[in-house]
């Protein structure tokens, strides 16, 4: 009888410990990180961070591009994956504004936040030959030349809404020119066919350093590390100009377990603190900006609400 009791006790303990043992063994195979865009700045940052995460986790963290349908293909793929921590999405802040501009095939909040990785800010740039030397001078120029100030953007993202927000703050309309690609937009800006653009630092820094473009302000509450002499938009005189930053983050399928999230989050935090990673990320125009899962969730919701208010105030209709 004692022997049977001992066997049953051992069996119960084994069953109870099995799931705990499996969670402690995570990961036991490669982790896939899906980037919903074609190769470029986004997956370059993801690969930079994934390399040290692989070493810390003891298994490869493999970045895969699944572009198409404005990010829907990659997003839906991860959304349908098992919530076991082996398929993740490297998402961006654009998914917090896109639902206000177009119907999306999936819910950008239907994921488990893991942590923000990198961030940067949009900056306001104009051709170097333009007479405006500050953001307030650009606004004054627009008021004195109605209908003659234009700005460009690609893909209906934060660059477009930053221009829209400047219209609202300044109380003066601009002509918006949409582009399918950054190359043509930048060519028109350099040629003076556009008055200004909001752009991520990495896309324009070389032309700024070459003296072809002038930066009037940073759309953030702090100055950009690569442009320490350039004021924020608020410092430049537009006190109410405060917009969310551009960021990238890791998320997993809904209901990914907390032990797995914690392990991934800690690996991300440690990786982002490595000097080589910081240097590489900085060279891409970003800063390492880690946040916890809770902080990321709050930022996602906050950004969504801010962009929604701007779209409503500007009476922009969904496509």
Foldseek 3Di string as FASTA:
>chain_A
DVVVVVVVVVVVVCVVCVVVVVLVLPPPEEAEEEEAADDDLQVLLVVLLQVLLCVLRVYHYHYDYNYDPPSQRRVVVQQPDDLARRYKYWDKLQLLQQVLAAPHPDRPLQWQFQKWWWWFFWFKKAFLPDPDQAPVSVLVVCVVPPAPAEEEDEDPGPFVLLQLVSCVLSVGDHHYDYDPDPVVRVVCRLVRVHGITTDQCLSCVVVVVVSGMHTHATQAPADAPVCNPHYHNCVRPSVPRHADIMTIGMTGHHPNDPSSSVSSNVSSVVSLPDPVSQVSQVNSRIGTDIDGSVVVSVSSVVNSVVSNVSCVVSVRHHD
